[in-house]
Amino acid sequence: MKTESNARVESDGRTEPSEERPTAETTVEVRCTGHVRDAVGSPGLTFTFEGTTLREFLTAFFAEYDVEDMLIAETEADATTRGWATVPGELPGTWRKNPEGEQTRAYARVAINGTFNEHIGGLNTRLEDGDRVALMYPFIYCC
């Protein structure tokens, strides 16, 4: 386990020692589908990163594999696709989605242990060793 120093630097340049706190390291199983699988070069791999949240996992994963543009939408328009059905005035049940900038692109999904991240805790979802993270961006063919 790595440690992170909490030392303070005084205005005269002296460093005041303080206790060190452990930095968590998490190992997850990653499953990739469609375009993500092609870009990563494998349908599955084990990935270790510093931190315990989906946000920290994605930051580390995107630093190693260039797939962020396939999965994360920058705007609401990137995250939305036009449907064929008219949306009713009042939707049944509870509807939630991740905030703008934390949404997946239309048709792309991120799931933890089989559940889409927006149904758990978004990018703040806590990950534990052995969790399965699926990065999905399917091949879509149109006529």
C-alpha atoms as a PDB file:
ATOM      1  CA  MET A   1       0.000   0.000   0.000  1.00  0.00           C
ATOM      2  CA  LYS A   2       1.326   3.414  -0.922  1.00  0.00           C
ATOM      3  CA  THR A   3       1.351   6.348   1.469  1.00  0.00           C
ATOM      4  CA  GLU A   4       0.708  10.014   0.948  1.00  0.00           C
ATOM      5  CA  SER A   5       2.435  12.628   3.069  1.00  0.00           C
ATOM      6  CA  ASN A   6       0.449  15.352   4.781  1.00  0.00           C
ATOM      7  CA  ALA A   7       3.525  17.518   5.468  1.00  0.00           C
ATOM      8  CA  ARG A   8       2.934  21.271   5.596  1.00  0.00           C
ATOM      9  CA  VAL A   9       5.328  23.755   4.018  1.00  0.00           C
ATOM     10  CA  GLU A  10       5.803  26.852   6.192  1.00  0.00           C
ATOM     11  CA  SER A  11       6.181  30.350   4.690  1.00  0.00           C
ATOM     12  CA  ASP A  12       9.940  30.308   5.390  1.00  0.00           C
ATOM     13  CA  GLY A  13      10.313  27.140   3.290  1.00  0.00           C
ATOM     14  CA  ARG A  14      10.621  24.704   6.231  1.00  0.00           C
ATOM     15  CA  THR A  15       8.653  21.512   5.991  1.00  0.00           C
ATOM     16  CA  GLU A  16       6.792  20.561   9.119  1.00  0.00           C
ATOM     17  CA  PRO A  17       6.596  16.758   9.363  1.00  0.00           C
ATOM     18  CA  SER A  18       3.254  15.142   9.909  1.00  0.00           C
ATOM     19  CA  GLU A  19       1.736  11.707   9.845  1.00  0.00           C
ATOM     20  CA  GLU A  20       1.435   9.769   6.604  1.00  0.00           C
ATOM     21  CA  ARG A  21      -1.907   8.389   5.546  1.00  0.00           C
ATOM     22  CA  PRO A  22      -2.373   5.356   3.316  1.00  0.00           C
ATOM     23  CA  THR A  23      -3.509   5.833  -0.288  1.00  0.00           C
ATOM     24  CA  ALA A  24      -5.957   3.107  -1.257  1.00  0.00           C
ATOM     25  CA  GLU A  25      -5.201   0.945  -4.251  1.00  0.00           C
ATOM     26  CA  THR A  26      -8.041  -0.992  -5.876  1.00  0.00           C
ATOM     27  CA  THR A  27      -7.919  -3.828  -8.398  1.00  0.00           C
ATOM     28  CA  VAL A  28     -10.958  -4.423 -10.621  1.00  0.00           C
ATOM     29  CA  GLU A  29     -11.853  -6.710 -13.492  1.00  0.00           C
ATOM     30  CA  VAL A  30     -12.542  -4.658 -16.636  1.00  0.00           C
ATOM     31  CA  ARG A  31     -14.753  -5.948 -19.439  1.00  0.00           C
ATOM     32  CA  CYS A  32     -14.758  -4.096 -22.766  1.00  0.00           C
ATOM     33  CA  THR A  33     -17.246  -4.417 -25.613  1.00  0.00           C
ATOM     34  CA  GLY A  34     -17.536  -3.078 -29.150  1.00  0.00           C
ATOM     35  CA  HIS A  35     -15.333  -0.145 -30.061  1.00  0.00           C
ATOM     36  CA  VAL A  36     -13.795  -0.016 -26.570  1.00  0.00           C
ATOM     37  CA  ARG A  37     -12.639  -3.628 -26.915  1.00  0.00           C
ATOM     38  CA  ASP A  38     -11.027  -2.808 -30.263  1.00  0.00           C
ATOM     39  CA  ALA A  39      -9.225   0.260 -28.858  1.00  0.00           C
ATOM     40  CA  VAL A  40      -8.033  -1.512 -25.696  1.00  0.00           C
ATOM     41  CA  GLY A  41      -7.088  -4.636 -27.627  1.00  0.00           C
ATOM     42  CA  SER A  42      -8.715  -7.096 -25.242  1.00  0.00           C
ATOM     43  CA  PRO A  43     -12.210  -8.064 -24.115  1.00  0.00           C
ATOM     44  CA  GLY A  44     -11.078  -8.185 -20.494  1.00  0.00           C
ATOM     45  CA  LEU A  45      -8.215  -7.286 -18.201  1.00  0.00           C
ATOM     46  CA  THR A  46      -7.335  -6.717 -14.571  1.00  0.00           C
ATOM     47  CA  PHE A  47      -6.635  -3.074 -13.737  1.00  0.00           C
ATOM     48  CA  THR A  48      -5.140  -1.607 -10.555  1.00  0.00           C
ATOM     49  CA  PHE A  49      -5.477   2.106  -9.770  1.00  0.00           C
ATOM     50  CA  GLU A  50      -5.001   4.481  -6.872  1.00  0.00           C
ATOM     51  CA  GLY A  51      -8.318   5.345  -5.273  1.00  0.00           C
ATOM     52  CA  THR A  52     -11.663   3.739  -4.537  1.00  0.00           C
ATOM     53  CA  THR A  53     -14.216   5.453  -6.813  1.00  0.00           C
ATOM     54  CA  LEU A  54     -15.376   5.016 -10.380  1.00  0.00           C
ATOM     55  CA  ARG A  55     -14.146   8.568 -11.090  1.00  0.00           C
ATOM     56  CA  GLU A  56     -10.603   7.651  -9.961  1.00  0.00           C
ATOM     57  CA  PHE A  57     -10.752   4.406 -11.938  1.00  0.00           C
ATOM     58  CA  LEU A  58     -11.831   6.195 -15.127  1.00  0.00           C
ATOM     59  CA  THR A  59      -9.146   8.875 -14.716  1.00  0.00           C
ATOM     60  CA  ALA A  60      -6.430   6.220 -14.392  1.00  0.00           C
ATOM     61  CA  PHE A  61      -7.885   4.011 -17.139  1.00  0.00           C
ATOM     62  CA  PHE A  62      -8.232   6.898 -19.597  1.00  0.00           C
ATOM     63  CA  ALA A  63      -4.615   7.909 -18.891  1.00  0.00           C
ATOM     64  CA  GLU A  64      -3.527   4.447 -20.033  1.00  0.00           C
ATOM     65  CA  TYR A  65      -6.123   3.758 -22.749  1.00  0.00           C
ATOM     66  CA  ASP A  66      -7.416   6.462 -25.116  1.00  0.00           C
ATOM     67  CA  VAL A  67     -11.141   5.642 -24.922  1.00  0.00           C
ATOM     68  CA  GLU A  68     -12.578   8.601 -23.005  1.00  0.00           C
ATOM     69  CA  ASP A  69     -14.081  10.203 -26.132  1.00  0.00           C
ATOM     70  CA  MET A  70     -15.938   6.963 -26.878  1.00  0.00           C
ATOM     71  CA  LEU A  71     -17.547   6.790 -23.451  1.00  0.00           C
ATOM     72  CA  ILE A  72     -17.931  10.182 -21.761  1.00  0.00           C
ATOM     73  CA  ALA A  73     -20.199  12.893 -23.158  1.00  0.00           C
ATOM     74  CA  GLU A  74     -19.067  16.492 -22.738  1.00  0.00           C
ATOM     75  CA  THR A  75     -22.535  17.980 -23.256  1.00  0.00           C
ATOM     76  CA  GLU A  76     -26.143  16.969 -22.785  1.00  0.00           C
ATOM     77  CA  ALA A  77     -26.512  16.740 -26.578  1.00  0.00           C
ATOM     78  CA  ASP A  78     -23.679  14.160 -26.750  1.00  0.00           C
ATOM     79  CA  ALA A  79     -25.485  12.037 -24.149  1.00  0.00           C
ATOM     80  CA  THR A  80     -28.901  12.140 -25.793  1.00  0.00           C
ATOM     81  CA  THR A  81     -30.253  10.446 -28.834  1.00  0.00           C
ATOM     82  CA  ARG A  82     -33.493  11.353 -30.512  1.00  0.00           C
ATOM     83  CA  GLY A  83     -36.165   8.755 -29.908  1.00  0.00           C
ATOM     84  CA  TRP A  84     -39.047   7.742 -32.079  1.00  0.00           C
ATOM     85  CA  ALA A  85     -41.651   7.965 -29.334  1.00  0.00           C
ATOM     86  CA  THR A  86     -43.044  11.168 -27.895  1.00  0.00           C
ATOM     87  CA  VAL A  87     -42.001  11.650 -24.260  1.00  0.00           C
ATOM     88  CA  PRO A  88     -45.062  11.780 -21.977  1.00  0.00           C
ATOM     89  CA  GLY A  89     -45.614  14.913 -19.894  1.00  0.00           C
ATOM     90  CA  GLU A  90     -45.086  12.995 -16.657  1.00  0.00           C
ATOM     91  CA  LEU A  91     -42.721  10.024 -16.569  1.00  0.00           C
ATOM     92  CA  PRO A  92     -43.578   7.074 -14.321  1.00  0.00           C
ATOM     93  CA  GLY A  93     -41.274   6.192 -11.425  1.00  0.00           C
ATOM     94  CA  THR A  94     -38.074   7.945 -10.439  1.00  0.00           C
ATOM     95  CA  TRP A  95     -35.764   9.134 -13.196  1.00  0.00           C
ATOM     96  CA  ARG A  96     -32.169  10.096 -12.505  1.00  0.00           C
ATOM     97  CA  LYS A  97     -29.192  10.759 -14.685  1.00  0.00           C
ATOM     98  CA  ASN A  98     -25.635  11.833 -14.112  1.00  0.00           C
ATOM     99  CA  PRO A  99     -24.866  15.571 -14.195  1.00  0.00           C
ATOM    100  CA  GLU A 100     -23.686  17.118 -17.474  1.00  0.00           C
ATOM    101  CA  GLY A 101     -20.025  16.271 -18.079  1.00  0.00           C
ATOM    102  CA  GLU A 102     -20.405  12.988 -16.164  1.00  0.00           C
ATOM    103  CA  GLN A 103     -22.788  11.278 -18.573  1.00  0.00           C
ATOM    104  CA  THR A 104     -21.955   8.588 -21.067  1.00  0.00           C
ATOM    105  CA  ARG A 105     -22.359   9.174 -24.783  1.00  0.00           C
ATOM    106  CA  ALA A 106     -25.527   8.010 -26.470  1.00  0.00           C
ATOM    107  CA  TYR A 107     -25.442   4.194 -26.663  1.00  0.00           C
ATOM    108  CA  ALA A 108     -22.319   3.957 -24.439  1.00  0.00           C
ATOM    109  CA  ARG A 109     -22.565   2.633 -20.887  1.00  0.00           C
ATOM    110  CA  VAL A 110     -20.404   2.077 -17.806  1.00  0.00           C
ATOM    111  CA  ALA A 111     -21.607  -0.643 -15.436  1.00  0.00           C
ATOM    112  CA  ILE A 112     -20.351  -1.891 -12.086  1.00  0.00           C
ATOM    113  CA  ASN A 113     -21.159  -5.512 -11.310  1.00  0.00           C
ATOM    114  CA  GLY A 114     -23.900  -5.443 -13.953  1.00  0.00           C
ATOM    115  CA  THR A 115     -25.616  -2.189 -12.883  1.00  0.00           C
ATOM    116  CA  PHE A 116     -25.326   1.054 -14.853  1.00  0.00           C
ATOM    117  CA  ASN A 117     -23.389   3.660 -12.872  1.00  0.00           C
ATOM    118  CA  GLU A 118     -26.194   6.245 -12.974  1.00  0.00           C
ATOM    119  CA  HIS A 119     -28.384   3.818 -10.976  1.00  0.00           C
ATOM    120  CA  ILE A 120     -25.799   3.478  -8.202  1.00  0.00           C
ATOM    121  CA  GLY A 121     -23.879   6.675  -7.481  1.00  0.00           C
ATOM    122  CA  GLY A 122     -22.613   7.994 -10.803  1.00  0.00           C
ATOM    123  CA  LEU A 123     -18.884   8.634 -10.946  1.00  0.00           C
ATOM    124  CA  ASN A 124     -18.732   8.694  -7.140  1.00  0.00           C
ATOM    125  CA  THR A 125     -19.651   5.002  -6.936  1.00  0.00           C
ATOM    126  CA  ARG A 126     -17.231   3.231  -4.590  1.00  0.00           C
ATOM    127  CA  LEU A 127     -15.311   0.311  -6.061  1.00  0.00           C
ATOM    128  CA  GLU A 128     -13.851  -2.617  -4.151  1.00  0.00           C
ATOM    129  CA  ASP A 129     -11.218  -5.173  -5.079  1.00  0.00           C
ATOM    130  CA  GLY A 130     -12.690  -7.724  -7.475  1.00  0.00           C
ATOM    131  CA  ASP A 131     -15.569  -5.553  -8.737  1.00  0.00           C
ATOM    132  CA  ARG A 132     -16.385  -5.896 -12.436  1.00  0.00           C
ATOM    133  CA  VAL A 133     -16.398  -2.677 -14.447  1.00  0.00           C
ATOM    134  CA  ALA A 134     -17.900  -2.941 -17.926  1.00  0.00           C
ATOM    135  CA  LEU A 135     -17.070  -0.299 -20.533  1.00  0.00           C
ATOM    136  CA  MET A 136     -19.573  -0.638 -23.359  1.00  0.00           C
ATOM    137  CA  TYR A 137     -19.751   1.151 -26.674  1.00  0.00           C
ATOM    138  CA  PRO A 138     -21.446  -1.197 -29.137  1.00  0.00           C
ATOM    139  CA  PHE A 139     -20.983  -1.478 -32.845  1.00  0.00           C
ATOM    140  CA  ILE A 140     -24.075   0.068 -34.403  1.00  0.00           C
ATOM    141  CA  TYR A 141     -24.913  -0.617 -38.002  1.00  0.00           C
ATOM    142  CA  CYS A 142     -27.685   1.189 -39.776  1.00  0.00           C
ATOM    143  CA  CYS A 143     -29.334   0.504 -43.102  1.00  0.00           C
END
